């Protein structure tokens, strides 16, 4: 179930996703896409910029990504 999250100045979008979802791979992109109209709240590195008033973002439902498989070495 999607929920709202109240932003705090200086937070990072990847840390928010890690704390809320338990993973950040794919979650950061999904959260930013769900909040495209609020993209100006973040700097280029994903930090929350200083705000004039309290802001919140939508945290959409996201499926946990499948585990990354280890690659095999072709040469030894």
C-alpha atoms as a PDB file:
ATOM      1  CA  UNK A   1       0.000   0.000   0.000  1.00  0.00           C
ATOM      2  CA  UNK A   2       1.428   3.364  -1.020  1.00  0.00           C
ATOM      3  CA  UNK A   3       2.061   5.865   1.754  1.00  0.00           C
ATOM      4  CA  UNK A   4       3.323   9.398   2.210  1.00  0.00           C
ATOM      5  CA  UNK A   5       6.660  10.268   3.757  1.00  0.00           C
ATOM      6  CA  UNK A   6       7.490  13.617   5.374  1.00  0.00           C
ATOM      7  CA  UNK A   7      10.833  14.906   4.134  1.00  0.00           C
ATOM      8  CA  UNK A   8      13.492  16.363   6.389  1.00  0.00           C
ATOM      9  CA  UNK A   9      16.152  18.739   5.129  1.00  0.00           C
ATOM     10  CA  UNK A  10      19.440  17.006   4.293  1.00  0.00           C
ATOM     11  CA  UNK A  11      17.997  13.492   3.939  1.00  0.00           C
ATOM     12  CA  UNK A  12      19.039  11.411   0.953  1.00  0.00           C
ATOM     13  CA  UNK A  13      16.567   9.687  -1.352  1.00  0.00           C
ATOM     14  CA  UNK A  14      18.546   6.438  -1.423  1.00  0.00           C
ATOM     15  CA  UNK A  15      18.695   6.271   2.384  1.00  0.00           C
ATOM     16  CA  UNK A  16      14.951   6.996   2.598  1.00  0.00           C
ATOM     17  CA  UNK A  17      14.309   4.093   0.211  1.00  0.00           C
ATOM     18  CA  UNK A  18      16.674   1.787   2.084  1.00  0.00           C
ATOM     19  CA  UNK A  19      14.969   2.541   5.405  1.00  0.00           C
ATOM     20  CA  UNK A  20      11.406   2.344   4.052  1.00  0.00           C
ATOM     21  CA  UNK A  21      11.719  -0.583   1.621  1.00  0.00           C
ATOM     22  CA  UNK A  22      14.794  -2.441   2.861  1.00  0.00           C
ATOM     23  CA  UNK A  23      16.542  -1.937  -0.508  1.00  0.00           C
ATOM     24  CA  UNK A  24      17.359   0.975  -2.782  1.00  0.00           C
ATOM     25  CA  UNK A  25      18.042  -0.727  -6.135  1.00  0.00           C
ATOM     26  CA  UNK A  26      15.099   0.244  -8.319  1.00  0.00           C
ATOM     27  CA  UNK A  27      13.281   1.930  -5.431  1.00  0.00           C
ATOM     28  CA  UNK A  28      14.978   5.303  -5.913  1.00  0.00           C
ATOM     29  CA  UNK A  29      13.904   5.466  -9.537  1.00  0.00           C
ATOM     30  CA  UNK A  30      10.340   4.374  -8.719  1.00  0.00           C
ATOM     31  CA  UNK A  31       9.990   6.949  -5.938  1.00  0.00           C
ATOM     32  CA  UNK A  32      11.341   9.733  -8.135  1.00  0.00           C
ATOM     33  CA  UNK A  33       8.993   8.768 -10.982  1.00  0.00           C
ATOM     34  CA  UNK A  34       6.025   8.717  -8.588  1.00  0.00           C
ATOM     35  CA  UNK A  35       6.993  12.222  -7.431  1.00  0.00           C
ATOM     36  CA  UNK A  36       8.110  13.757 -10.718  1.00  0.00           C
ATOM     37  CA  UNK A  37       6.297  17.004  -9.894  1.00  0.00           C
ATOM     38  CA  UNK A  38       8.418  17.312  -6.729  1.00  0.00           C
ATOM     39  CA  UNK A  39      11.792  16.534  -8.304  1.00  0.00           C
ATOM     40  CA  UNK A  40      12.950  20.076  -7.517  1.00  0.00           C
ATOM     41  CA  UNK A  41      12.990  19.127  -3.808  1.00  0.00           C
ATOM     42  CA  UNK A  42      16.208  17.160  -4.443  1.00  0.00           C
ATOM     43  CA  UNK A  43      19.657  18.190  -5.652  1.00  0.00           C
ATOM     44  CA  UNK A  44      21.703  16.293  -8.263  1.00  0.00           C
ATOM     45  CA  UNK A  45      22.962  13.847  -5.616  1.00  0.00           C
ATOM     46  CA  UNK A  46      19.524  13.072  -4.193  1.00  0.00           C
ATOM     47  CA  UNK A  47      19.775  15.218  -1.057  1.00  0.00           C
ATOM     48  CA  UNK A  48      16.648  17.021   0.121  1.00  0.00           C
ATOM     49  CA  UNK A  49      17.132  20.755  -0.428  1.00  0.00           C
ATOM     50  CA  UNK A  50      16.184  23.395   2.166  1.00  0.00           C
ATOM     51  CA  UNK A  51      12.388  23.803   2.215  1.00  0.00           C
ATOM     52  CA  UNK A  52      10.198  26.814   2.963  1.00  0.00           C
ATOM     53  CA  UNK A  53       7.418  24.610   4.286  1.00  0.00           C
ATOM     54  CA  UNK A  54       7.103  20.926   5.204  1.00  0.00           C
ATOM     55  CA  UNK A  55       6.918  18.646   2.162  1.00  0.00           C
ATOM     56  CA  UNK A  56       5.992  15.027   1.710  1.00  0.00           C
ATOM     57  CA  UNK A  57       6.462  12.504  -1.085  1.00  0.00           C
ATOM     58  CA  UNK A  58       4.549   9.427  -2.138  1.00  0.00           C
ATOM     59  CA  UNK A  59       6.218   6.076  -1.513  1.00  0.00           C
ATOM     60  CA  UNK A  60       4.606   3.725  -4.056  1.00  0.00           C
ATOM     61  CA  UNK A  61       4.259  -0.021  -3.701  1.00  0.00           C
ATOM     62  CA  UNK A  62       7.405  -1.636  -5.072  1.00  0.00           C
ATOM     63  CA  UNK A  63       8.234  -5.301  -5.435  1.00  0.00           C
ATOM     64  CA  UNK A  64      11.503  -6.423  -3.934  1.00  0.00           C
ATOM     65  CA  UNK A  65      14.054  -6.999  -6.723  1.00  0.00           C
ATOM     66  CA  UNK A  66      15.365 -10.481  -7.341  1.00  0.00           C
ATOM     67  CA  UNK A  67      18.842 -11.191  -5.978  1.00  0.00           C
ATOM     68  CA  UNK A  68      21.784 -10.353  -8.202  1.00  0.00           C
ATOM     69  CA  UNK A  69      23.412 -13.488  -9.530  1.00  0.00           C
ATOM     70  CA  UNK A  70      27.158 -13.689  -9.326  1.00  0.00           C
ATOM     71  CA  UNK A  71      28.931 -13.728 -12.655  1.00  0.00           C
ATOM     72  CA  UNK A  72      31.157 -16.581 -13.705  1.00  0.00           C
ATOM     73  CA  UNK A  73      34.748 -16.128 -14.704  1.00  0.00           C
ATOM     74  CA  UNK A  74      35.469 -17.085 -18.276  1.00  0.00           C
ATOM     75  CA  UNK A  75      39.219 -17.060 -17.842  1.00  0.00           C
ATOM     76  CA  UNK A  76      41.405 -18.015 -14.920  1.00  0.00           C
END
